[in-house]
């Protein structure tokens, strides 16, 4: 399969065109590898500094308050409505705290 780019001087049907195509591909691969190395170095540096990676948690629940409301006999869903979150978030917070 050959590639001919009409608005640029790339034509893989000729030896010079194939050379140019391979050189451009090698440069693109090199650039991608440089970006990858910088990203890996940045992640390592962030971890070494103790920074949190990834998205922050959406909901923060006061586990003690949730536990107290549950102890009063309220359901997980009722507690979740009172705290403005989902019942599974409350269940997870109560189980892990």
PDB file of N, CA and C in Angstrom:
ATOM      1  N   UNK A   1       0.848  -1.163   0.000  1.00  0.00           N
ATOM      2  CA  UNK A   1       0.000   0.000   0.000  1.00  0.00           C
ATOM      3  C   UNK A   1       0.897   1.231   0.000  1.00  0.00           C
ATOM      4  N   UNK A   2       0.583   2.186  -0.827  1.00  0.00           N
ATOM      5  CA  UNK A   2       1.367   3.407  -0.934  1.00  0.00           C
ATOM      6  C   UNK A   2       0.557   4.586  -0.421  1.00  0.00           C
ATOM      7  N   UNK A   3       1.304   5.616   0.021  1.00  0.00           N
ATOM      8  CA  UNK A   3       0.683   6.834   0.515  1.00  0.00           C
ATOM      9  C   UNK A   3       1.168   7.997  -0.329  1.00  0.00           C
ATOM     10  N   UNK A   4       0.250   8.774  -0.819  1.00  0.00           N
ATOM     11  CA  UNK A   4       0.589   9.984  -1.570  1.00  0.00           C
ATOM     12  C   UNK A   4      -0.190  11.128  -0.941  1.00  0.00           C
ATOM     13  N   UNK A   5       0.542  12.093  -0.364  1.00  0.00           N
ATOM     14  CA  UNK A   5      -0.078  13.271   0.229  1.00  0.00           C
ATOM     15  C   UNK A   5       0.027  14.390  -0.792  1.00  0.00           C
ATOM     16  N   UNK A   6      -1.083  14.862  -1.262  1.00  0.00           N
ATOM     17  CA  UNK A   6      -1.091  15.808  -2.372  1.00  0.00           C
ATOM     18  C   UNK A   6      -0.605  17.201  -1.986  1.00  0.00           C
ATOM     19  N   UNK A   7      -0.893  17.642  -0.761  1.00  0.00           N
ATOM     20  CA  UNK A   7      -0.502  19.002  -0.399  1.00  0.00           C
ATOM     21  C   UNK A   7       0.861  19.066   0.292  1.00  0.00           C
ATOM     22  N   UNK A   8       1.566  17.939   0.412  1.00  0.00           N
ATOM     23  CA  UNK A   8       2.918  17.891   0.966  1.00  0.00           C
ATOM     24  C   UNK A   8       3.762  17.002   0.067  1.00  0.00           C
ATOM     25  N   UNK A   9       5.058  17.051   0.260  1.00  0.00           N
ATOM     26  CA  UNK A   9       5.970  16.288  -0.603  1.00  0.00           C
ATOM     27  C   UNK A   9       6.210  14.889  -0.053  1.00  0.00           C
ATOM     28  N   UNK A  10       5.148  14.160   0.205  1.00  0.00           N
ATOM     29  CA  UNK A  10       5.287  12.791   0.698  1.00  0.00           C
ATOM     30  C   UNK A  10       4.634  11.863  -0.316  1.00  0.00           C
ATOM     31  N   UNK A  11       5.449  10.978  -0.862  1.00  0.00           N
ATOM     32  CA  UNK A  11       4.970  10.008  -1.846  1.00  0.00           C
ATOM     33  C   UNK A  11       5.755   8.727  -1.615  1.00  0.00           C
ATOM     34  N   UNK A  12       5.132   7.737  -0.983  1.00  0.00           N
ATOM     35  CA  UNK A  12       5.849   6.510  -0.631  1.00  0.00           C
ATOM     36  C   UNK A  12       6.062   5.582  -1.817  1.00  0.00           C
ATOM     37  N   UNK A  13       5.691   6.005  -2.988  1.00  0.00           N
ATOM     38  CA  UNK A  13       5.990   5.182  -4.165  1.00  0.00           C
ATOM     39  C   UNK A  13       7.417   5.406  -4.646  1.00  0.00           C
ATOM     40  N   UNK A  14       8.093   6.421  -4.096  1.00  0.00           N
ATOM     41  CA  UNK A  14       9.483   6.700  -4.486  1.00  0.00           C
ATOM     42  C   UNK A  14      10.397   6.438  -3.300  1.00  0.00           C
ATOM     43  N   UNK A  15      11.677   6.117  -3.546  1.00  0.00           N
ATOM     44  CA  UNK A  15      12.613   5.899  -2.441  1.00  0.00           C
ATOM     45  C   UNK A  15      12.750   7.130  -1.539  1.00  0.00           C
ATOM     46  N   UNK A  16      12.810   8.310  -2.113  1.00  0.00           N
ATOM     47  CA  UNK A  16      12.934   9.531  -1.311  1.00  0.00           C
ATOM     48  C   UNK A  16      11.685   9.752  -0.461  1.00  0.00           C
ATOM     49  N   UNK A  17      10.528   9.461  -1.007  1.00  0.00           N
ATOM     50  CA  UNK A  17       9.280   9.603  -0.263  1.00  0.00           C
ATOM     51  C   UNK A  17       9.200   8.637   0.901  1.00  0.00           C
ATOM     52  N   UNK A  18       9.643   7.389   0.667  1.00  0.00           N
ATOM     53  CA  UNK A  18       9.664   6.401   1.749  1.00  0.00           C
ATOM     54  C   UNK A  18      10.626   6.825   2.843  1.00  0.00           C
ATOM     55  N   UNK A  19      11.804   7.345   2.459  1.00  0.00           N
ATOM     56  CA  UNK A  19      12.780   7.814   3.444  1.00  0.00           C
ATOM     57  C   UNK A  19      12.182   8.936   4.287  1.00  0.00           C
ATOM     58  N   UNK A  20      11.582   9.919   3.647  1.00  0.00           N
ATOM     59  CA  UNK A  20      10.975  11.035   4.369  1.00  0.00           C
ATOM     60  C   UNK A  20       9.878  10.537   5.305  1.00  0.00           C
ATOM     61  N   UNK A  21       9.064   9.622   4.820  1.00  0.00           N
ATOM     62  CA  UNK A  21       7.985   9.063   5.632  1.00  0.00           C
ATOM     63  C   UNK A  21       8.544   8.376   6.877  1.00  0.00           C
ATOM     64  N   UNK A  22       9.595   7.566   6.715  1.00  0.00           N
ATOM     65  CA  UNK A  22      10.186   6.844   7.843  1.00  0.00           C
ATOM     66  C   UNK A  22      10.887   7.795   8.808  1.00  0.00           C
ATOM     67  N   UNK A  23      11.539   8.820   8.289  1.00  0.00           N
ATOM     68  CA  UNK A  23      12.191   9.800   9.165  1.00  0.00           C
ATOM     69  C   UNK A  23      11.141  10.529  10.004  1.00  0.00           C
ATOM     70  N   UNK A  24      10.061  10.965   9.379  1.00  0.00           N
ATOM     71  CA  UNK A  24       8.998  11.645  10.127  1.00  0.00           C
ATOM     72  C   UNK A  24       8.362  10.717  11.164  1.00  0.00           C
ATOM     73  N   UNK A  25       8.191   9.458  10.803  1.00  0.00           N
ATOM     74  CA  UNK A  25       7.628   8.492  11.751  1.00  0.00           C
ATOM     75  C   UNK A  25       8.571   8.275  12.924  1.00  0.00           C
ATOM     76  N   UNK A  26       9.882   8.210  12.657  1.00  0.00           N
ATOM     77  CA  UNK A  26      10.862   8.024  13.728  1.00  0.00           C
ATOM     78  C   UNK A  26      10.882   9.232  14.659  1.00  0.00           C
ATOM     79  N   UNK A  27      10.782  10.424  14.101  1.00  0.00           N
ATOM     80  CA  UNK A  27      10.755  11.632  14.931  1.00  0.00           C
ATOM     81  C   UNK A  27       9.501  11.655  15.799  1.00  0.00           C
ATOM     82  N   UNK A  28       8.372  11.273  15.248  1.00  0.00           N
ATOM     83  CA  UNK A  28       7.127  11.226  16.017  1.00  0.00           C
ATOM     84  C   UNK A  28       7.225  10.204  17.148  1.00  0.00           C
ATOM     85  N   UNK A  29       7.819   9.056  16.869  1.00  0.00           N
ATOM     86  CA  UNK A  29       7.994   8.031  17.898  1.00  0.00           C
ATOM     87  C   UNK A  29       8.928   8.525  18.993  1.00  0.00           C
ATOM     88  N   UNK A  30      10.008   9.197  18.608  1.00  0.00           N
ATOM     89  CA  UNK A  30      10.956   9.755  19.569  1.00  0.00           C
ATOM     90  C   UNK A  30      10.257  10.782  20.464  1.00  0.00           C
ATOM     91  N   UNK A  31       9.459  11.647  19.870  1.00  0.00           N
ATOM     92  CA  UNK A  31       8.737  12.660  20.640  1.00  0.00           C
ATOM     93  C   UNK A  31       7.766  12.007  21.623  1.00  0.00           C
ATOM     94  N   UNK A  32       7.075  10.962  21.173  1.00  0.00           N
ATOM     95  CA  UNK A  32       6.154  10.241  22.055  1.00  0.00           C
ATOM     96  C   UNK A  32       6.900   9.630  23.234  1.00  0.00           C
ATOM     97  N   UNK A  33       8.089   9.054  22.978  1.00  0.00           N
ATOM     98  CA  UNK A  33       8.887   8.464  24.051  1.00  0.00           C
ATOM     99  C   UNK A  33       9.362   9.518  25.042  1.00  0.00           C
ATOM    100  N   UNK A  34       9.734  10.699  24.551  1.00  0.00           N
ATOM    101  CA  UNK A  34      10.144  11.780  25.452  1.00  0.00           C
ATOM    102  C   UNK A  34       8.993  12.206  26.362  1.00  0.00           C
ATOM    103  N   UNK A  35       7.810  12.329  25.785  1.00  0.00           N
ATOM    104  CA  UNK A  35       6.636  12.702  26.574  1.00  0.00           C
ATOM    105  C   UNK A  35       6.360  11.645  27.637  1.00  0.00           C
ATOM    106  N   UNK A  36       6.463  10.388  27.255  1.00  0.00           N
ATOM    107  CA  UNK A  36       6.223   9.288  28.198  1.00  0.00           C
ATOM    108  C   UNK A  36       7.213   9.344  29.355  1.00  0.00           C
ATOM    109  N   UNK A  37       8.483   9.586  29.056  1.00  0.00           N
ATOM    110  CA  UNK A  37       9.497   9.677  30.106  1.00  0.00           C
ATOM    111  C   UNK A  37       9.207  10.834  31.053  1.00  0.00           C
ATOM    112  N   UNK A  38       8.790  11.975  30.516  1.00  0.00           N
ATOM    113  CA  UNK A  38       8.478  13.126  31.368  1.00  0.00           C
ATOM    114  C   UNK A  38       7.273  12.849  32.257  1.00  0.00           C
ATOM    115  N   UNK A  39       6.275  12.177  31.720  1.00  0.00           N
ATOM    116  CA  UNK A  39       5.090  11.853  32.514  1.00  0.00           C
ATOM    117  C   UNK A  39       5.453  10.898  33.645  1.00  0.00           C
ATOM    118  N   UNK A  40       6.232   9.870  33.339  1.00  0.00           N
ATOM    119  CA  UNK A  40       6.640   8.904  34.367  1.00  0.00           C
ATOM    120  C   UNK A  40       7.455   9.592  35.448  1.00  0.00           C
ATOM    121  N   UNK A  41       8.378  10.474  35.053  1.00  0.00           N
ATOM    122  CA  UNK A  41       9.191  11.203  36.032  1.00  0.00           C
ATOM    123  C   UNK A  41       8.309  12.094  36.904  1.00  0.00           C
ATOM    124  N   UNK A  42       7.315  12.735  36.314  1.00  0.00           N
ATOM    125  CA  UNK A  42       6.413  13.591  37.079  1.00  0.00           C
ATOM    126  C   UNK A  42       5.579  12.808  38.074  1.00  0.00           C
ATOM    127  N   UNK A  43       5.106  11.643  37.678  1.00  0.00           N
ATOM    128  CA  UNK A  43       4.321  10.798  38.587  1.00  0.00           C
ATOM    129  C   UNK A  43       5.192  10.323  39.743  1.00  0.00           C
ATOM    130  N   UNK A  44       6.417   9.915  39.444  1.00  0.00           N
ATOM    131  CA  UNK A  44       7.331   9.481  40.512  1.00  0.00           C
ATOM    132  C   UNK A  44       7.620  10.620  41.483  1.00  0.00           C
ATOM    133  N   UNK A  45       7.847  11.817  40.944  1.00  0.00           N
ATOM    134  CA  UNK A  45       8.135  12.973  41.785  1.00  0.00           C
ATOM    135  C   UNK A  45       6.928  13.299  42.672  1.00  0.00           C
ATOM    136  N   UNK A  46       5.727  13.238  42.108  1.00  0.00           N
ATOM    137  CA  UNK A  46       4.518  13.519  42.881  1.00  0.00           C
ATOM    138  C   UNK A  46       4.332  12.492  43.993  1.00  0.00           C
ATOM    139  N   UNK A  47       4.574  11.224  43.683  1.00  0.00           N
ATOM    140  CA  UNK A  47       4.448  10.182  44.714  1.00  0.00           C
ATOM    141  C   UNK A  47       5.483  10.371  45.809  1.00  0.00           C
ATOM    142  N   UNK A  48       6.711  10.741  45.430  1.00  0.00           N
ATOM    143  CA  UNK A  48       7.768  10.959  46.416  1.00  0.00           C
ATOM    144  C   UNK A  48       7.420  12.123  47.338  1.00  0.00           C
ATOM    145  N   UNK A  49       6.683  13.099  46.830  1.00  0.00           N
ATOM    146  CA  UNK A  49       6.266  14.248  47.634  1.00  0.00           C
ATOM    147  C   UNK A  49       4.981  13.964  48.405  1.00  0.00           C
ATOM    148  N   UNK A  50       4.443  12.760  48.237  1.00  0.00           N
ATOM    149  CA  UNK A  50       3.246  12.364  48.965  1.00  0.00           C
ATOM    150  C   UNK A  50       1.956  12.941  48.416  1.00  0.00           C
ATOM    151  N   UNK A  51       1.964  13.373  47.183  1.00  0.00           N
ATOM    152  CA  UNK A  51       0.757  13.933  46.585  1.00  0.00           C
ATOM    153  C   UNK A  51      -0.206  12.832  46.187  1.00  0.00           C
ATOM    154  N   UNK A  52      -1.489  13.163  46.274  1.00  0.00           N
ATOM    155  CA  UNK A  52      -2.538  12.226  45.861  1.00  0.00           C
ATOM    156  C   UNK A  52      -2.656  12.259  44.347  1.00  0.00           C
ATOM    157  N   UNK A  53      -2.676  11.096  43.725  1.00  0.00           N
ATOM    158  CA  UNK A  53      -2.833  11.002  42.277  1.00  0.00           C
ATOM    159  C   UNK A  53      -4.233  10.495  41.967  1.00  0.00           C
ATOM    160  N   UNK A  54      -4.798  10.976  40.904  1.00  0.00           N
ATOM    161  CA  UNK A  54      -6.137  10.555  40.515  1.00  0.00           C
ATOM    162  C   UNK A  54      -7.172  11.589  40.914  1.00  0.00           C
ATOM    163  N   UNK A  55      -8.400  11.284  40.603  1.00  0.00           N
ATOM    164  CA  UNK A  55      -9.445  12.260  40.888  1.00  0.00           C
ATOM    165  C   UNK A  55      -9.793  12.227  42.369  1.00  0.00           C
ATOM    166  N   UNK A  56     -10.198  13.363  42.914  1.00  0.00           N
ATOM    167  CA  UNK A  56     -10.596  13.386  44.321  1.00  0.00           C
ATOM    168  C   UNK A  56     -11.927  12.667  44.510  1.00  0.00           C
ATOM    169  N   UNK A  57     -12.149  12.213  45.710  1.00  0.00           N
ATOM    170  CA  UNK A  57     -13.422  11.570  46.005  1.00  0.00           C
ATOM    171  C   UNK A  57     -14.543  12.587  45.856  1.00  0.00           C
ATOM    172  N   UNK A  58     -15.672  12.122  45.369  1.00  0.00           N
ATOM    173  CA  UNK A  58     -16.798  13.029  45.150  1.00  0.00           C
ATOM    174  C   UNK A  58     -17.500  13.378  46.457  1.00  0.00           C
ATOM    175  N   UNK A  59     -17.642  12.412  47.345  1.00  0.00           N
ATOM    176  CA  UNK A  59     -18.420  12.618  48.559  1.00  0.00           C
ATOM    177  C   UNK A  59     -17.559  12.350  49.786  1.00  0.00           C
ATOM    178  N   UNK A  60     -17.677  13.246  50.730  1.00  0.00           N
ATOM    179  CA  UNK A  60     -17.030  13.044  52.021  1.00  0.00           C
ATOM    180  C   UNK A  60     -18.148  12.980  53.055  1.00  0.00           C
ATOM    181  N   UNK A  61     -18.159  11.911  53.814  1.00  0.00           N
ATOM    182  CA  UNK A  61     -19.237  11.690  54.768  1.00  0.00           C
ATOM    183  C   UNK A  61     -18.653  11.701  56.172  1.00  0.00           C
ATOM    184  N   UNK A  62     -19.337  12.372  57.072  1.00  0.00           N
ATOM    185  CA  UNK A  62     -18.963  12.347  58.485  1.00  0.00           C
ATOM    186  C   UNK A  62     -19.411  10.986  59.027  1.00  0.00           C
ATOM    187  N   UNK A  63     -18.456  10.065  59.109  1.00  0.00           N
ATOM    188  CA  UNK A  63     -18.782   8.683  59.477  1.00  0.00           C
ATOM    189  C   UNK A  63     -19.348   8.592  60.888  1.00  0.00           C
ATOM    190  N   UNK A  64     -18.845   9.413  61.806  1.00  0.00           N
ATOM    191  CA  UNK A  64     -19.346   9.364  63.186  1.00  0.00           C
ATOM    192  C   UNK A  64     -20.813   9.803  63.245  1.00  0.00           C
ATOM    193  N   UNK A  65     -21.131  10.867  62.524  1.00  0.00           N
ATOM    194  CA  UNK A  65     -22.520  11.334  62.493  1.00  0.00           C
ATOM    195  C   UNK A  65     -23.415  10.285  61.839  1.00  0.00           C
ATOM    196  N   UNK A  66     -22.948   9.691  60.754  1.00  0.00           N
ATOM    197  CA  UNK A  66     -23.728   8.654  60.080  1.00  0.00           C
ATOM    198  C   UNK A  66     -23.947   7.468  61.005  1.00  0.00           C
ATOM    199  N   UNK A  67     -22.901   7.073  61.721  1.00  0.00           N
ATOM    200  CA  UNK A  67     -23.017   5.940  62.640  1.00  0.00           C
ATOM    201  C   UNK A  67     -24.016   6.261  63.762  1.00  0.00           C
ATOM    202  N   UNK A  68     -23.995   7.497  64.257  1.00  0.00           N
ATOM    203  CA  UNK A  68     -24.922   7.894  65.318  1.00  0.00           C
ATOM    204  C   UNK A  68     -26.364   7.882  64.812  1.00  0.00           C
ATOM    205  N   UNK A  69     -26.578   8.374  63.608  1.00  0.00           N
ATOM    206  CA  UNK A  69     -27.929   8.372  63.049  1.00  0.00           C
ATOM    207  C   UNK A  69     -28.439   6.950  62.820  1.00  0.00           C
ATOM    208  N   UNK A  70     -27.549   6.065  62.390  1.00  0.00           N
ATOM    209  CA  UNK A  70     -27.934   4.661  62.195  1.00  0.00           C
ATOM    210  C   UNK A  70     -28.249   4.018  63.539  1.00  0.00           C
ATOM    211  N   UNK A  71     -27.472   4.371  64.572  1.00  0.00           N
ATOM    212  CA  UNK A  71     -27.716   3.832  65.913  1.00  0.00           C
ATOM    213  C   UNK A  71     -29.071   4.290  66.450  1.00  0.00           C
ATOM    214  N   UNK A  72     -29.551   5.446  65.996  1.00  0.00           N
ATOM    215  CA  UNK A  72     -30.877   5.928  66.401  1.00  0.00           C
ATOM    216  C   UNK A  72     -31.994   5.148  65.712  1.00  0.00           C
ATOM    217  N   UNK A  73     -31.625   4.282  64.757  1.00  0.00           N
ATOM    218  CA  UNK A  73     -32.618   3.463  64.085  1.00  0.00           C
ATOM    219  C   UNK A  73     -32.973   3.934  62.685  1.00  0.00           C
ATOM    220  N   UNK A  74     -32.264   4.902  62.185  1.00  0.00           N
ATOM    221  CA  UNK A  74     -32.544   5.389  60.830  1.00  0.00           C
ATOM    222  C   UNK A  74     -31.907   4.452  59.802  1.00  0.00           C
ATOM    223  N   UNK A  75     -32.532   4.376  58.644  1.00  0.00           N
ATOM    224  CA  UNK A  75     -32.006   3.511  57.578  1.00  0.00           C
ATOM    225  C   UNK A  75     -30.834   4.196  56.878  1.00  0.00           C
ATOM    226  N   UNK A  76     -30.063   3.385  56.140  1.00  0.00           N
ATOM    227  CA  UNK A  76     -28.945   3.943  55.369  1.00  0.00           C
ATOM    228  C   UNK A  76     -29.440   4.986  54.375  1.00  0.00           C
ATOM    229  N   UNK A  77     -30.555   4.688  53.737  1.00  0.00           N
ATOM    230  CA  UNK A  77     -31.096   5.629  52.750  1.00  0.00           C
ATOM    231  C   UNK A  77     -31.536   6.937  53.410  1.00  0.00           C
ATOM    232  N   UNK A  78     -32.139   6.849  54.585  1.00  0.00           N
ATOM    233  CA  UNK A  78     -32.568   8.061  55.294  1.00  0.00           C
ATOM    234  C   UNK A  78     -31.354   8.882  55.725  1.00  0.00           C
ATOM    235  N   UNK A  79     -30.343   8.200  56.224  1.00  0.00           N
ATOM    236  CA  UNK A  79     -29.110   8.886  56.630  1.00  0.00           C
ATOM    237  C   UNK A  79     -28.462   9.539  55.418  1.00  0.00           C
ATOM    238  N   UNK A  80     -28.442   8.835  54.304  1.00  0.00           N
ATOM    239  CA  UNK A  80     -27.847   9.379  53.085  1.00  0.00           C
ATOM    240  C   UNK A  80     -28.594  10.629  52.634  1.00  0.00           C
ATOM    241  N   UNK A  81     -29.930  10.599  52.706  1.00  0.00           N
ATOM    242  CA  UNK A  81     -30.710  11.786  52.330  1.00  0.00           C
ATOM    243  C   UNK A  81     -30.378  12.957  53.252  1.00  0.00           C
ATOM    244  N   UNK A  82     -30.233  12.684  54.543  1.00  0.00           N
ATOM    245  CA  UNK A  82     -29.916  13.739  55.510  1.00  0.00           C
ATOM    246  C   UNK A  82     -28.528  14.333  55.255  1.00  0.00           C
ATOM    247  N   UNK A  83     -27.594  13.497  54.823  1.00  0.00           N
ATOM    248  CA  UNK A  83     -26.220  13.955  54.603  1.00  0.00           C
ATOM    249  C   UNK A  83     -25.983  14.419  53.173  1.00  0.00           C
ATOM    250  N   UNK A  84     -26.991  14.254  52.330  1.00  0.00           N
ATOM    251  CA  UNK A  84     -26.875  14.723  50.954  1.00  0.00           C
ATOM    252  C   UNK A  84     -25.966  13.887  50.080  1.00  0.00           C
ATOM    253  N   UNK A  85     -26.013  12.579  50.270  1.00  0.00           N
ATOM    254  CA  UNK A  85     -25.163  11.697  49.473  1.00  0.00           C
ATOM    255  C   UNK A  85     -25.912  10.404  49.167  1.00  0.00           C
ATOM    256  N   UNK A  86     -25.228   9.455  48.571  1.00  0.00           N
ATOM    257  CA  UNK A  86     -25.831   8.181  48.189  1.00  0.00           C
ATOM    258  C   UNK A  86     -25.683   7.187  49.338  1.00  0.00           C
ATOM    259  N   UNK A  87     -26.625   6.260  49.441  1.00  0.00           N
ATOM    260  CA  UNK A  87     -26.588   5.307  50.552  1.00  0.00           C
ATOM    261  C   UNK A  87     -25.357   4.394  50.516  1.00  0.00           C
ATOM    262  N   UNK A  88     -24.837   4.084  49.324  1.00  0.00           N
ATOM    263  CA  UNK A  88     -23.632   3.243  49.282  1.00  0.00           C
ATOM    264  C   UNK A  88     -22.414   3.993  49.808  1.00  0.00           C
ATOM    265  N   UNK A  89     -22.394   5.321  49.630  1.00  0.00           N
ATOM    266  CA  UNK A  89     -21.294   6.121  50.173  1.00  0.00           C
ATOM    267  C   UNK A  89     -21.345   6.080  51.696  1.00  0.00           C
ATOM    268  N   UNK A  90     -22.546   6.182  52.259  1.00  0.00           N
ATOM    269  CA  UNK A  90     -22.710   6.108  53.713  1.00  0.00           C
ATOM    270  C   UNK A  90     -22.298   4.728  54.209  1.00  0.00           C
ATOM    271  N   UNK A  91     -22.745   3.680  53.530  1.00  0.00           N
ATOM    272  CA  UNK A  91     -22.403   2.314  53.945  1.00  0.00           C
ATOM    273  C   UNK A  91     -20.895   2.108  53.931  1.00  0.00           C
ATOM    274  N   UNK A  92     -20.230   2.594  52.911  1.00  0.00           N
ATOM    275  CA  UNK A  92     -18.778   2.446  52.808  1.00  0.00           C
ATOM    276  C   UNK A  92     -18.075   3.234  53.916  1.00  0.00           C
ATOM    277  N   UNK A  93     -18.551   4.441  54.183  1.00  0.00           N
ATOM    278  CA  UNK A  93     -17.927   5.274  55.214  1.00  0.00           C
ATOM    279  C   UNK A  93     -18.087   4.648  56.591  1.00  0.00           C
ATOM    280  N   UNK A  94     -19.253   4.102  56.870  1.00  0.00           N
ATOM    281  CA  UNK A  94     -19.503   3.478  58.170  1.00  0.00           C
ATOM    282  C   UNK A  94     -18.684   2.204  58.311  1.00  0.00           C
ATOM    283  N   UNK A  95     -18.538   1.453  57.229  1.00  0.00           N
ATOM    284  CA  UNK A  95     -17.799   0.184  57.279  1.00  0.00           C
ATOM    285  C   UNK A  95     -16.299   0.400  57.427  1.00  0.00           C
ATOM    286  N   UNK A  96     -15.760   1.456  56.836  1.00  0.00           N
ATOM    287  CA  UNK A  96     -14.306   1.649  56.866  1.00  0.00           C
ATOM    288  C   UNK A  96     -13.847   2.507  58.030  1.00  0.00           C
ATOM    289  N   UNK A  97     -14.729   3.292  58.613  1.00  0.00           N
ATOM    290  CA  UNK A  97     -14.306   4.199  59.696  1.00  0.00           C
ATOM    291  C   UNK A  97     -14.362   3.523  61.038  1.00  0.00           C
TER     292      UNK A  97
END
